[in-house]
C-alpha cells in the first residue's frame, strides 16, 4: 500500500513537473509571438485608425492644388477655405501669385496651408523658373530658362542634388516670407518619378518636421494600384517609405473629370463610394472663371467646377449621408504627436 501511494505521489510529481515545463514553454512561446502579433495587428490598421479615428471610417482631406499659380486660383482657394467646404491647400512658391497667397495664409493661421513643391512649368505661355539661381540648378532649366514642361524631362536632366536644393529653397522662401508650411507635396508627382527624388523628398520632410504626402505602400493592392498608374515605385522606394518617420496617407487620388457639371458631381460621388476606409487625400485645382484663366489652361472648365462643387448642397448632403469624416494636416500632426508622446 505504501509502495502504491509512493508511486502515485511520484507520478503526480512527474506530471506536475511536466506541466510546469510545458507551461513555461508556452509562456516563452507567447512572449516570442505576442510582439509579432502586435506588429501584424498594427500593420493591418489604417493610418486613420493609428491616428485615433474609428475603424471602418473614411477620413478625407479635400485639398486644393496649384494655389499661387494665378489670381483666379488664389481667390477660389480663399473662398473655399473660409467657407470651410475644403480642408487644405498648397502653394506653388515659384509662381507669380504665390507671395500674395502666403500673405493671406499668415493672416489665417488656422487654415491648413502647405507647399506644392514645384519642379515643372507645364503651360505654354504662363510659366515660371526655379527659386534657386540658374547656376545652382542648371538641370532643372529648359531652353527658355524656365522649369521643364514635363516630368520625364526633369528626370532626364536634373540630379537628385539639384532637386533637393530647389525644394529646400522653396521651403526657405516661404519661411522668409513669414510662413512655415503645414505640409509639403509634389506638383505633377515629380518627386515620385525617381528613387533619388523620393529619397531627398523624405529627407527634407523629416529634417524640417513638415509632413509630406507620403502614401503607405505596405498593402500590396495600394502599391499595385500606383504602379499601374506609371509611378516607378521600386523596391528601393518601398523601403524608403517604410522608414519614413512622419504620418502617412492610406490613399491619394484626384477629383475625376467630366463633360458636364452634373457629371462632375456624379463622378465624385462614385469616387467617394469606391474608397476603402482609411485616410485619403483628394486633390483638385479650383479657380474662378475669368478670361485670363482661359488663356492659361485648357482645363479651365474643370477648375471652375472644382471651385463650385464643394459648396453644392447636394454634395454636402451626400458627404453627411456617407458618414465622411474630414480632416487636415494640422489635425493629423496633432494626433500623431499625441500618440508619439
Protein backbone atom coordinates (compact mmCIF):
# COMPACT_ATOMS: atom_id res chain seq x y z
CA UNK A 1 0.00 0.00 0.00
CA UNK A 2 2.84 2.30 0.80
CA UNK A 3 4.52 1.42 -2.47
CA UNK A 4 1.34 2.22 -4.39
CA UNK A 5 0.94 5.52 -2.59
CA UNK A 6 4.57 6.43 -3.20
CA UNK A 7 4.24 5.56 -6.89
CA UNK A 8 1.17 7.75 -7.17
CA UNK A 9 2.97 10.60 -5.48
CA UNK A 10 5.95 10.15 -7.81
CA UNK A 11 3.71 10.10 -10.88
CA UNK A 12 1.92 13.21 -9.66
CA UNK A 13 5.24 14.97 -9.14
CA UNK A 14 6.44 14.00 -12.62
CA UNK A 15 3.16 15.15 -14.12
CA UNK A 16 3.37 18.44 -12.27
CA UNK A 17 6.94 18.97 -13.41
CA UNK A 18 5.95 18.14 -16.98
CA UNK A 19 3.01 20.51 -16.91
CA UNK A 20 5.16 23.21 -15.36
CA UNK A 21 7.71 22.71 -18.11
CA UNK A 22 5.04 22.88 -20.80
CA UNK A 23 3.61 25.94 -19.17
CA UNK A 24 6.99 27.61 -19.18
CA UNK A 25 7.49 26.72 -22.83
CA UNK A 26 4.07 28.09 -23.69
CA UNK A 27 4.87 31.23 -21.76
CA UNK A 28 8.18 31.61 -23.57
CA UNK A 29 6.46 30.99 -26.90
CA UNK A 30 3.79 33.54 -26.07
CA UNK A 31 6.42 36.09 -25.20
CA UNK A 32 8.02 35.47 -28.58
CA UNK A 33 4.75 35.51 -30.54
CA UNK A 34 2.98 38.44 -28.86
CA UNK A 35 5.27 41.16 -30.28
CA UNK A 36 4.87 39.65 -33.75
CA UNK A 37 1.10 39.57 -33.36
CA UNK A 38 1.11 43.15 -32.14
CA UNK A 39 3.27 44.12 -35.09
CA UNK A 40 0.94 42.35 -37.53
CA UNK A 41 -2.11 43.96 -35.90
CA UNK A 42 -0.53 47.41 -36.15
CA UNK A 43 0.37 46.81 -39.80
CA UNK A 44 -3.22 45.83 -40.59
CA UNK A 45 -4.56 49.09 -39.17
CA UNK A 46 -5.16 52.03 -41.45
CA UNK A 47 -3.41 55.29 -40.71
CA UNK A 48 -6.82 56.70 -39.82
CA UNK A 49 -7.07 54.09 -37.04
CA UNK A 50 -3.48 54.63 -35.93
CA UNK A 51 -4.26 58.32 -35.54
CA UNK A 52 -7.32 57.63 -33.41
CA UNK A 53 -10.27 57.69 -35.79
CA UNK A 54 -12.82 54.85 -35.59
CA UNK A 55 -12.17 51.68 -37.57
CA UNK A 56 -14.08 51.40 -40.82
CA UNK A 57 -14.41 55.14 -41.35
CA UNK A 58 -13.44 57.10 -44.46
CA UNK A 59 -11.38 60.07 -43.28
CA UNK A 60 -10.90 62.53 -46.13
CA UNK A 61 -8.96 65.69 -46.86
CA UNK A 62 -10.24 67.83 -49.75
CA UNK A 63 -7.03 69.51 -50.86
CA UNK A 64 -6.67 72.41 -53.32
CA UNK A 65 -3.55 72.29 -55.52
CA UNK A 66 -1.86 74.85 -57.77
CA UNK A 67 -2.54 77.82 -55.50
CA UNK A 68 -0.35 80.82 -56.25
CA UNK A 69 -0.33 79.92 -59.94
CA UNK A 70 -2.67 82.79 -60.79
CA UNK A 71 -5.08 85.20 -59.06
CA UNK A 72 -8.04 83.02 -60.04
CA UNK A 73 -6.66 80.04 -58.08
CA UNK A 74 -5.97 82.21 -55.04
CA UNK A 75 -9.45 83.65 -54.96
CA UNK A 76 -11.09 80.23 -55.28
CA UNK A 77 -8.99 78.67 -52.50
CA UNK A 78 -9.53 81.59 -50.15
CA UNK A 79 -13.29 81.33 -50.61
CA UNK A 80 -13.40 77.57 -50.12
CA UNK A 81 -11.17 77.60 -47.05
CA UNK A 82 -13.09 80.49 -45.48
CA UNK A 83 -16.41 78.74 -46.09
CA UNK A 84 -14.99 75.54 -44.59
CA UNK A 85 -16.01 73.39 -47.55
CA UNK A 86 -12.43 72.19 -48.11
CA UNK A 87 -9.77 71.39 -45.57
CA UNK A 88 -6.38 72.15 -47.09
CA UNK A 89 -4.44 73.90 -49.87
CA UNK A 90 -0.88 74.08 -51.17
CA UNK A 91 1.04 76.94 -52.77
CA UNK A 92 3.41 76.80 -55.75
CA UNK A 93 6.20 79.04 -54.47
CA UNK A 94 7.90 79.73 -57.85
CA UNK A 95 4.65 81.04 -59.35
CA UNK A 96 3.82 84.73 -59.80
CA UNK A 97 0.97 84.94 -57.27
CA UNK A 98 2.49 82.77 -54.53
CA UNK A 99 3.59 85.53 -52.17
CA UNK A 100 0.17 87.16 -52.09
CA UNK A 101 -1.42 83.87 -51.01
CA UNK A 102 1.25 83.37 -48.36
CA UNK A 103 0.37 86.85 -47.08
CA UNK A 104 -3.25 85.70 -46.81
CA UNK A 105 -2.20 82.48 -45.06
CA UNK A 106 -0.27 84.46 -42.43
CA UNK A 107 -3.48 86.30 -41.58
CA UNK A 108 -5.37 83.00 -41.26
CA UNK A 109 -3.13 80.69 -39.17
CA UNK A 110 -5.93 78.20 -38.50
CA UNK A 111 -6.14 77.43 -42.21
CA UNK A 112 -4.16 74.41 -43.32
CA UNK A 113 -1.71 75.69 -45.95
CA UNK A 114 1.29 73.83 -47.33
CA UNK A 115 3.64 73.98 -50.30
CA UNK A 116 3.07 72.32 -53.65
CA UNK A 117 6.77 71.75 -54.35
CA UNK A 118 7.21 72.66 -57.98
CA UNK A 119 9.80 71.34 -60.44
CA UNK A 120 7.83 71.76 -63.68
CA UNK A 121 6.24 74.63 -65.58
CA UNK A 122 3.71 72.92 -67.81
CA UNK A 123 1.71 75.65 -69.57
CA UNK A 124 2.55 77.12 -72.97
CA UNK A 125 2.69 80.81 -72.11
CA UNK A 126 2.12 81.13 -68.34
CA UNK A 127 5.46 79.92 -67.00
CA UNK A 128 7.99 80.22 -64.16
CA UNK A 129 11.54 79.34 -63.24
CA UNK A 130 13.12 77.97 -60.06
CA UNK A 131 13.52 79.79 -56.76
CA UNK A 132 17.22 78.84 -56.77
CA UNK A 133 19.62 80.71 -59.03
CA UNK A 134 20.01 79.27 -62.52
CA UNK A 135 23.64 78.43 -61.77
CA UNK A 136 22.63 76.29 -58.79
CA UNK A 137 20.12 74.08 -60.65
CA UNK A 138 21.03 74.01 -64.36
CA UNK A 139 19.46 70.57 -64.79
CA UNK A 140 16.04 71.94 -63.88
CA UNK A 141 16.09 74.54 -66.68
CA UNK A 142 14.80 74.23 -70.22
CA UNK A 143 15.91 76.24 -73.24
CA UNK A 144 13.84 79.22 -72.06
CA UNK A 145 15.43 79.13 -68.58
CA UNK A 146 12.12 78.02 -67.12
CA UNK A 147 11.33 74.74 -65.38
CA UNK A 148 10.71 71.83 -67.73
CA UNK A 149 7.22 71.29 -69.18
CA UNK A 150 7.08 67.55 -68.43
CA UNK A 151 8.11 65.22 -65.60
CA UNK A 152 10.22 62.89 -67.81
CA UNK A 153 12.28 65.90 -68.88
CA UNK A 154 13.07 66.65 -65.24
CA UNK A 155 14.12 63.05 -64.62
CA UNK A 156 16.28 63.07 -67.74
CA UNK A 157 18.17 66.26 -66.89
CA UNK A 158 18.04 67.04 -63.15
CA UNK A 159 20.07 65.33 -60.43
CA UNK A 160 18.68 64.47 -57.02
CA UNK A 161 21.08 67.04 -55.57
CA UNK A 162 19.58 69.79 -57.72
CA UNK A 163 16.08 68.68 -56.78
CA UNK A 164 16.94 68.77 -53.09
CA UNK A 165 18.49 72.22 -53.46
CA UNK A 166 15.36 73.58 -55.13
CA UNK A 167 12.77 72.10 -52.78
CA UNK A 168 14.75 73.41 -49.83
CA UNK A 169 14.85 76.82 -51.49
CA UNK A 170 11.08 76.80 -51.88
CA UNK A 171 10.53 75.94 -48.22
CA UNK A 172 13.03 78.58 -47.14
CA UNK A 173 11.34 81.16 -49.38
CA UNK A 174 8.03 80.56 -47.66
CA UNK A 175 9.72 80.83 -44.25
CA UNK A 176 11.47 84.05 -45.36
CA UNK A 177 8.05 85.45 -46.28
CA UNK A 178 6.99 84.71 -42.70
CA UNK A 179 5.09 81.44 -43.13
CA UNK A 180 6.16 77.95 -42.07
CA UNK A 181 4.13 75.48 -44.17
CA UNK A 182 1.89 72.90 -42.52
CA UNK A 183 2.81 70.23 -45.09
CA UNK A 184 4.55 69.65 -48.42
CA UNK A 185 3.54 67.76 -51.54
CA UNK A 186 4.65 67.43 -55.15
CA UNK A 187 3.38 69.15 -58.30
CA UNK A 188 2.64 66.66 -61.09
CA UNK A 189 4.03 63.87 -58.93
CA UNK A 190 7.59 64.77 -59.91
CA UNK A 191 9.13 63.86 -56.56
CA UNK A 192 7.89 60.28 -57.01
CA UNK A 193 9.31 60.00 -60.53
CA UNK A 194 12.78 58.84 -59.49
CA UNK A 195 14.04 56.92 -56.42
CA UNK A 196 16.68 59.58 -55.83
CA UNK A 197 14.00 62.25 -55.75
CA UNK A 198 11.92 60.24 -53.27
CA UNK A 199 14.96 59.93 -51.02
CA UNK A 200 15.59 63.68 -50.84
CA UNK A 201 11.86 64.41 -50.52
CA UNK A 202 11.66 62.18 -47.43
CA UNK A 203 14.96 63.54 -46.11
CA UNK A 204 13.80 67.15 -46.35
CA UNK A 205 10.37 66.44 -44.83
CA UNK A 206 11.91 64.70 -41.83
CA UNK A 207 14.61 67.31 -41.29
CA UNK A 208 12.07 70.14 -41.23
CA UNK A 209 9.47 68.05 -39.39
CA UNK A 210 6.93 69.01 -42.06
CA UNK A 211 4.71 66.10 -43.18
CA UNK A 212 4.78 65.15 -46.85
CA UNK A 213 2.03 63.43 -48.81
CA UNK A 214 3.67 60.03 -48.48
CA UNK A 215 1.36 57.07 -49.18
CA UNK A 216 1.63 53.89 -47.12
CA UNK A 217 2.69 51.23 -49.64
CA UNK A 218 2.71 48.31 -47.20
CA UNK A 219 -0.59 46.98 -48.56
CA UNK A 220 0.01 45.13 -51.87
CA UNK A 221 -3.16 46.43 -53.52
CA UNK A 222 -2.17 50.06 -52.85
CA UNK A 223 1.33 49.52 -54.23
CA UNK A 224 -0.02 47.71 -57.30
CA UNK A 225 -2.53 50.50 -57.91
CA UNK A 226 0.09 53.23 -58.03
CA UNK A 227 2.47 51.12 -60.08
CA UNK A 228 -0.32 50.59 -62.61
CA UNK A 229 -0.57 54.39 -62.93
CA UNK A 230 3.05 54.51 -64.05
CA UNK A 231 4.82 55.53 -60.84
CA UNK A 232 8.27 53.88 -60.69
CA UNK A 233 7.80 52.61 -57.15
CA UNK A 234 10.76 50.29 -56.95
CA UNK A 235 11.62 48.05 -54.01
CA UNK A 236 14.09 50.78 -53.01
CA UNK A 237 11.29 53.35 -52.85
CA UNK A 238 9.06 51.00 -50.86
CA UNK A 239 11.92 50.53 -48.38
CA UNK A 240 12.46 54.27 -48.11
CA UNK A 241 8.78 54.82 -47.32
CA UNK A 242 8.84 52.03 -44.72
CA UNK A 243 11.45 54.05 -42.85
CA UNK A 244 9.60 57.37 -43.09
CA UNK A 245 9.05 58.75 -39.58
CA UNK A 246 6.08 61.10 -40.11
CA UNK A 247 2.40 60.20 -40.66
CA UNK A 248 1.36 58.65 -43.94
CA UNK A 249 -1.77 58.55 -46.07
CA UNK A 250 -3.67 55.34 -46.74
CA UNK A 251 -4.62 56.58 -50.18
CA UNK A 252 -4.26 59.52 -52.53
CA UNK A 253 -6.37 60.41 -55.54
CA UNK A 254 -7.79 63.33 -57.53
CA UNK A 255 -11.18 64.71 -58.48
CA UNK A 256 -12.30 62.97 -61.70
CA UNK A 257 -13.06 64.91 -64.86
CA UNK A 258 -16.45 65.08 -66.57
CA UNK A 259 -18.19 66.58 -69.58
CA UNK A 260 -20.79 68.42 -67.50
CA UNK A 261 -21.09 69.85 -64.00
CA UNK A 262 -23.70 67.25 -63.05
CA UNK A 263 -21.40 64.58 -64.40
CA UNK A 264 -18.59 66.01 -62.29
CA UNK A 265 -20.70 65.67 -59.14
CA UNK A 266 -21.79 62.15 -60.09
CA UNK A 267 -18.21 61.06 -60.77
CA UNK A 268 -17.05 62.49 -57.46
CA UNK A 269 -19.75 60.61 -55.58
CA UNK A 270 -18.69 57.43 -57.34
CA UNK A 271 -15.08 58.10 -56.30
CA UNK A 272 -16.07 58.53 -52.64
CA UNK A 273 -18.21 55.39 -52.63
CA UNK A 274 -15.34 53.39 -54.11
CA UNK A 275 -12.81 54.43 -51.45
CA UNK A 276 -11.79 51.98 -48.77
CA UNK A 277 -11.80 53.06 -45.12
CA UNK A 278 -8.72 55.00 -44.10
CA UNK A 279 -7.05 58.37 -44.52
CA UNK A 280 -7.35 59.69 -48.08
CA UNK A 281 -6.23 62.97 -49.62
CA UNK A 282 -8.20 64.06 -52.69
CA UNK A 283 -6.63 66.81 -54.75
CA UNK A 284 -8.32 69.23 -57.14
CA UNK A 285 -7.46 72.55 -58.79
CA UNK A 286 -10.03 75.28 -58.14
CA UNK A 287 -10.10 78.58 -59.99
CA UNK A 288 -12.72 81.27 -60.51
CA UNK A 289 -13.74 81.95 -64.08
CA UNK A 290 -12.05 84.83 -65.93
CA UNK A 291 -10.88 85.43 -69.48
CA UNK A 292 -7.32 85.32 -68.15
CA UNK A 293 -7.82 81.78 -66.81
CA UNK A 294 -8.87 80.63 -70.27
CA UNK A 295 -5.57 81.87 -71.70
CA UNK A 296 -3.56 79.88 -69.13
CA UNK A 297 -5.01 76.39 -69.26
CA UNK A 298 -7.29 74.25 -71.37
CA UNK A 299 -8.55 72.65 -68.17
CA UNK A 300 -10.21 75.88 -67.08
CA UNK A 301 -13.74 74.42 -67.10
CA UNK A 302 -12.81 71.55 -64.76
CA UNK A 303 -11.08 74.03 -62.45
CA UNK A 304 -14.10 76.34 -62.37
CA UNK A 305 -16.40 73.44 -61.48
CA UNK A 306 -13.95 72.38 -58.77
CA UNK A 307 -14.26 75.87 -57.30
CA UNK A 308 -18.04 75.41 -57.11
CA UNK A 309 -18.80 71.78 -56.36
CA UNK A 310 -17.80 71.54 -52.71
CA UNK A 311 -20.31 74.27 -51.83
CA UNK A 312 -23.06 72.36 -53.63
CA UNK A 313 -25.78 71.40 -51.09
CA UNK A 314 -26.32 68.09 -52.87
CA UNK A 315 -22.68 67.06 -52.45
CA UNK A 316 -22.56 68.34 -48.86
CA UNK A 317 -25.62 66.21 -48.03
CA UNK A 318 -24.00 63.24 -49.76
CA UNK A 319 -20.95 63.55 -47.51
CA UNK A 320 -23.21 63.58 -44.43
CA UNK A 321 -25.17 60.56 -45.63
CA UNK A 322 -21.93 58.65 -46.24
CA UNK A 323 -20.64 59.45 -42.75
CA UNK A 324 -17.46 61.05 -44.11
CA UNK A 325 -15.03 62.46 -41.55
CA UNK A 326 -12.97 65.43 -42.75
CA UNK A 327 -9.53 66.40 -41.53
CA UNK A 328 -6.41 68.36 -42.48
CA UNK A 329 -2.66 68.13 -41.97
CA UNK A 330 -2.76 70.30 -38.86
CA UNK A 331 -5.07 67.83 -37.11
CA UNK A 332 -3.12 64.84 -38.46
CA UNK A 333 0.08 66.18 -36.91
CA UNK A 334 -1.65 66.98 -33.61
CA UNK A 335 -2.91 63.41 -33.42
CA UNK A 336 0.46 62.00 -34.50
CA UNK A 337 2.35 63.91 -31.82
CA UNK A 338 -0.16 62.76 -29.21
CA UNK A 339 0.30 59.05 -29.98
CA UNK A 340 4.09 59.50 -30.08
CA UNK A 341 4.27 61.28 -26.72
